[in-house]
């Protein structure tokens, strides 16, 4: 299981629920790779519009257990992330 050694884990899903480890979306070597997947968009069927793949997402550094990046919106009932975590100003 070589992927388990990757340090940054992406979690994401729809805003109305969070299912813990079931929301795992991938493991990455770098924060940038995980963020790129978290912010990925896809075309809406039959339309030229794009939408986010995940309504909420966050990246966990498994070495520290901290959320190191994430979307401004989080799952219903989850704590908001800090500006540092969402890429905003401090």
N, C-alpha and C. Protein backbone atom coordinates (compact mmCIF):
# COMPACT_ATOMS: atom_id res chain seq x y z
N UNK A 1 0.84 -1.18 0.00
CA UNK A 1 0.00 0.00 0.00
C UNK A 1 0.88 1.24 0.00
N UNK A 2 1.59 1.57 -1.07
CA UNK A 2 2.51 2.69 -1.10
C UNK A 2 1.85 4.04 -0.88
N UNK A 3 0.57 4.18 -1.28
CA UNK A 3 -0.08 5.47 -1.13
C UNK A 3 -0.24 5.86 0.34
N UNK A 4 -0.30 4.91 1.25
CA UNK A 4 -0.49 5.21 2.67
C UNK A 4 0.66 6.03 3.24
N UNK A 5 1.82 6.00 2.60
CA UNK A 5 2.97 6.75 3.08
C UNK A 5 2.89 8.23 2.73
N UNK A 6 1.94 8.60 1.89
CA UNK A 6 1.84 10.00 1.49
C UNK A 6 1.34 10.83 2.66
N UNK A 7 1.91 12.02 2.79
CA UNK A 7 1.73 12.83 3.99
C UNK A 7 0.43 13.63 4.05
N UNK A 8 -0.09 14.08 2.90
CA UNK A 8 -1.24 14.98 2.89
C UNK A 8 -2.48 14.27 2.39
N UNK A 9 -3.51 14.23 3.24
CA UNK A 9 -4.74 13.52 2.92
C UNK A 9 -5.85 14.53 2.67
N UNK A 10 -6.56 14.35 1.57
CA UNK A 10 -7.67 15.22 1.20
C UNK A 10 -8.99 14.59 1.62
N UNK A 11 -9.83 15.39 2.28
CA UNK A 11 -11.18 14.99 2.62
C UNK A 11 -12.13 16.00 1.99
N UNK A 12 -13.26 15.56 1.50
CA UNK A 12 -14.21 16.48 0.89
C UNK A 12 -15.55 15.84 0.65
N UNK A 13 -16.53 16.69 0.39
CA UNK A 13 -17.86 16.16 0.11
C UNK A 13 -18.87 17.27 -0.05
N UNK A 14 -20.12 16.91 0.25
CA UNK A 14 -21.23 17.85 0.14
C UNK A 14 -21.43 18.53 1.49
N UNK A 15 -21.90 19.78 1.45
CA UNK A 15 -21.99 20.59 2.68
C UNK A 15 -22.96 20.06 3.71
N UNK A 16 -23.95 19.31 3.31
CA UNK A 16 -24.97 18.92 4.28
C UNK A 16 -24.58 17.73 5.14
N UNK A 17 -23.43 17.15 4.92
CA UNK A 17 -23.01 16.05 5.77
C UNK A 17 -21.50 15.92 5.77
N UNK A 18 -21.03 15.25 6.77
CA UNK A 18 -19.62 14.83 6.79
C UNK A 18 -19.59 13.42 7.35
N UNK A 19 -18.81 12.57 6.74
CA UNK A 19 -18.81 11.16 7.14
C UNK A 19 -17.43 10.68 7.60
N UNK A 20 -16.60 11.60 8.07
CA UNK A 20 -15.30 11.21 8.62
C UNK A 20 -14.39 10.59 7.57
N UNK A 21 -13.80 9.47 7.91
CA UNK A 21 -12.85 8.84 7.00
C UNK A 21 -13.48 8.41 5.69
N UNK A 22 -14.80 8.26 5.66
CA UNK A 22 -15.47 7.92 4.41
C UNK A 22 -15.40 9.06 3.40
N UNK A 23 -15.06 10.27 3.86
CA UNK A 23 -14.91 11.41 2.97
C UNK A 23 -13.49 11.55 2.43
N UNK A 24 -12.64 10.58 2.69
CA UNK A 24 -11.28 10.62 2.15
C UNK A 24 -11.32 10.59 0.63
N UNK A 25 -10.61 11.50 0.00
CA UNK A 25 -10.60 11.61 -1.45
C UNK A 25 -9.26 11.31 -2.09
N UNK A 26 -8.21 11.21 -1.28
CA UNK A 26 -6.91 10.87 -1.84
C UNK A 26 -5.78 11.25 -0.90
N UNK A 27 -4.61 10.73 -1.21
CA UNK A 27 -3.40 11.00 -0.45
C UNK A 27 -2.35 11.54 -1.42
N UNK A 28 -1.63 12.56 -0.98
CA UNK A 28 -0.73 13.28 -1.89
C UNK A 28 0.62 13.53 -1.23
N UNK A 29 1.63 13.72 -2.05
CA UNK A 29 2.97 14.01 -1.56
C UNK A 29 3.13 15.46 -1.12
N UNK A 30 2.36 16.37 -1.73
CA UNK A 30 2.49 17.79 -1.42
C UNK A 30 1.13 18.41 -1.14
N UNK A 31 1.15 19.51 -0.40
CA UNK A 31 -0.07 20.27 -0.15
C UNK A 31 -0.65 20.76 -1.47
N UNK A 32 0.21 21.24 -2.37
CA UNK A 32 -0.25 21.77 -3.65
C UNK A 32 -1.03 20.74 -4.46
N UNK A 33 -0.58 19.51 -4.46
CA UNK A 33 -1.29 18.45 -5.19
C UNK A 33 -2.68 18.21 -4.59
N UNK A 34 -2.74 18.19 -3.27
CA UNK A 34 -4.02 17.96 -2.59
C UNK A 34 -4.97 19.14 -2.83
N UNK A 35 -4.46 20.36 -2.76
CA UNK A 35 -5.28 21.55 -3.00
C UNK A 35 -5.80 21.56 -4.44
N UNK A 36 -4.96 21.17 -5.39
CA UNK A 36 -5.39 21.13 -6.79
C UNK A 36 -6.59 20.20 -6.97
N UNK A 37 -6.58 19.06 -6.30
CA UNK A 37 -7.73 18.16 -6.37
C UNK A 37 -8.93 18.75 -5.63
N UNK A 38 -8.70 19.36 -4.48
CA UNK A 38 -9.79 19.96 -3.71
C UNK A 38 -10.50 21.07 -4.44
N UNK A 39 -9.79 21.80 -5.27
CA UNK A 39 -10.37 22.93 -6.00
C UNK A 39 -10.77 22.57 -7.43
N UNK A 40 -10.64 21.31 -7.78
CA UNK A 40 -10.96 20.87 -9.14
C UNK A 40 -12.43 21.15 -9.46
N UNK A 41 -12.66 21.51 -10.70
CA UNK A 41 -14.02 21.75 -11.17
C UNK A 41 -14.33 20.79 -12.31
N UNK A 42 -15.61 20.62 -12.55
CA UNK A 42 -16.03 19.77 -13.67
C UNK A 42 -17.20 20.43 -14.37
N UNK A 43 -17.39 20.06 -15.62
CA UNK A 43 -18.50 20.60 -16.38
C UNK A 43 -19.81 20.00 -15.91
N UNK A 44 -20.85 20.82 -15.95
CA UNK A 44 -22.19 20.35 -15.63
C UNK A 44 -22.77 19.72 -16.88
N UNK A 45 -23.34 18.55 -16.75
CA UNK A 45 -23.87 17.80 -17.90
C UNK A 45 -24.78 18.67 -18.76
N UNK A 46 -24.47 18.72 -20.04
CA UNK A 46 -25.28 19.47 -20.99
C UNK A 46 -25.12 20.98 -20.89
N UNK A 47 -24.08 21.45 -20.23
CA UNK A 47 -23.89 22.88 -20.02
C UNK A 47 -22.42 23.23 -20.14
N UNK A 48 -22.16 24.49 -20.46
CA UNK A 48 -20.78 24.96 -20.52
C UNK A 48 -20.31 25.43 -19.14
N UNK A 49 -21.20 25.42 -18.16
CA UNK A 49 -20.87 25.87 -16.80
C UNK A 49 -19.96 24.87 -16.10
N UNK A 50 -19.19 25.38 -15.17
CA UNK A 50 -18.35 24.53 -14.32
C UNK A 50 -18.89 24.59 -12.90
N UNK A 51 -18.67 23.53 -12.16
CA UNK A 51 -19.00 23.53 -10.74
C UNK A 51 -17.88 22.82 -9.99
N UNK A 52 -17.76 23.15 -8.71
CA UNK A 52 -16.75 22.49 -7.88
C UNK A 52 -17.11 21.02 -7.70
N UNK A 53 -16.12 20.17 -7.72
CA UNK A 53 -16.35 18.75 -7.48
C UNK A 53 -16.78 18.54 -6.03
N UNK A 54 -16.17 19.28 -5.11
CA UNK A 54 -16.47 19.15 -3.68
C UNK A 54 -17.04 20.46 -3.17
N UNK A 55 -18.12 20.40 -2.39
CA UNK A 55 -18.68 21.61 -1.79
C UNK A 55 -17.82 22.08 -0.63
N UNK A 56 -17.17 21.15 0.05
CA UNK A 56 -16.22 21.49 1.10
C UNK A 56 -15.05 20.52 0.97
N UNK A 57 -13.88 20.94 1.41
CA UNK A 57 -12.71 20.07 1.41
C UNK A 57 -11.69 20.60 2.40
N UNK A 58 -10.85 19.71 2.89
CA UNK A 58 -9.69 20.13 3.67
C UNK A 58 -8.59 19.10 3.53
N UNK A 59 -7.37 19.58 3.74
CA UNK A 59 -6.17 18.76 3.62
C UNK A 59 -5.58 18.61 5.03
N UNK A 60 -5.34 17.36 5.41
CA UNK A 60 -4.77 17.06 6.72
C UNK A 60 -3.33 16.59 6.54
N UNK A 61 -2.42 17.19 7.31
CA UNK A 61 -1.03 16.74 7.36
C UNK A 61 -1.00 15.61 8.38
N UNK A 62 -0.82 14.37 7.92
CA UNK A 62 -0.91 13.25 8.85
C UNK A 62 0.28 13.19 9.81
N UNK A 63 1.35 13.91 9.51
CA UNK A 63 2.49 13.94 10.43
C UNK A 63 2.17 14.77 11.67
N UNK A 64 1.32 15.79 11.53
CA UNK A 64 0.98 16.65 12.66
C UNK A 64 -0.47 16.50 13.11
N UNK A 65 -1.33 15.98 12.23
CA UNK A 65 -2.75 15.87 12.53
C UNK A 65 -3.51 17.17 12.32
N UNK A 66 -2.86 18.18 11.75
CA UNK A 66 -3.48 19.49 11.55
C UNK A 66 -4.07 19.64 10.16
N UNK A 67 -5.15 20.41 10.07
CA UNK A 67 -5.68 20.81 8.77
C UNK A 67 -4.79 21.94 8.27
N UNK A 68 -4.19 21.76 7.10
CA UNK A 68 -3.24 22.75 6.58
C UNK A 68 -3.79 23.56 5.43
N UNK A 69 -4.93 23.16 4.86
CA UNK A 69 -5.56 23.90 3.77
C UNK A 69 -7.01 23.45 3.69
N UNK A 70 -7.85 24.31 3.12
CA UNK A 70 -9.24 23.92 2.95
C UNK A 70 -10.08 25.00 2.32
N UNK A 71 -11.31 24.63 2.04
CA UNK A 71 -12.27 25.56 1.44
C UNK A 71 -12.84 26.47 2.52
N UNK A 72 -13.37 27.63 2.10
CA UNK A 72 -14.00 28.53 3.06
C UNK A 72 -15.24 27.90 3.67
N UNK A 73 -16.02 27.19 2.87
CA UNK A 73 -17.19 26.50 3.42
C UNK A 73 -16.77 25.12 3.89
N UNK A 74 -17.38 24.68 4.97
CA UNK A 74 -17.12 23.35 5.50
C UNK A 74 -18.45 22.64 5.69
N UNK A 75 -18.40 21.38 6.01
CA UNK A 75 -19.61 20.59 6.18
C UNK A 75 -20.47 21.19 7.29
N UNK A 76 -21.77 20.99 7.18
CA UNK A 76 -22.72 21.50 8.15
C UNK A 76 -22.31 21.09 9.56
N UNK A 77 -22.21 22.07 10.45
CA UNK A 77 -21.85 21.81 11.83
C UNK A 77 -20.36 21.77 12.12
N UNK A 78 -19.53 21.78 11.09
CA UNK A 78 -18.08 21.75 11.29
C UNK A 78 -17.57 23.16 11.60
N UNK A 79 -16.51 23.22 12.35
CA UNK A 79 -15.89 24.50 12.67
C UNK A 79 -15.32 25.15 11.41
N UNK A 80 -15.41 26.47 11.35
CA UNK A 80 -14.82 27.20 10.23
C UNK A 80 -13.30 27.11 10.31
N UNK A 81 -12.67 27.12 9.16
CA UNK A 81 -11.20 27.11 9.12
C UNK A 81 -10.68 28.53 9.30
N UNK A 82 -9.44 28.64 9.69
CA UNK A 82 -8.81 29.96 9.86
C UNK A 82 -8.45 30.54 8.49
N UNK A 83 -8.24 31.86 8.43
CA UNK A 83 -7.81 32.45 7.15
C UNK A 83 -6.52 31.81 6.61
N UNK A 84 -5.62 31.42 7.49
CA UNK A 84 -4.38 30.79 7.04
C UNK A 84 -4.67 29.48 6.35
N UNK A 85 -5.65 28.74 6.84
CA UNK A 85 -5.99 27.44 6.25
C UNK A 85 -6.72 27.58 4.92
N UNK A 86 -7.48 28.66 4.75
CA UNK A 86 -8.25 28.83 3.52
C UNK A 86 -7.56 29.72 2.49
N UNK A 87 -6.35 30.14 2.79
CA UNK A 87 -5.60 30.96 1.83
C UNK A 87 -5.95 32.43 1.89
N UNK A 88 -6.73 32.83 2.88
CA UNK A 88 -7.10 34.24 3.03
C UNK A 88 -6.05 35.00 3.80
N UNK A 89 -6.32 36.28 4.01
CA UNK A 89 -5.39 37.12 4.76
C UNK A 89 -5.52 36.84 6.24
N UNK A 90 -4.43 37.03 6.94
CA UNK A 90 -4.43 36.80 8.39
C UNK A 90 -4.88 38.03 9.12
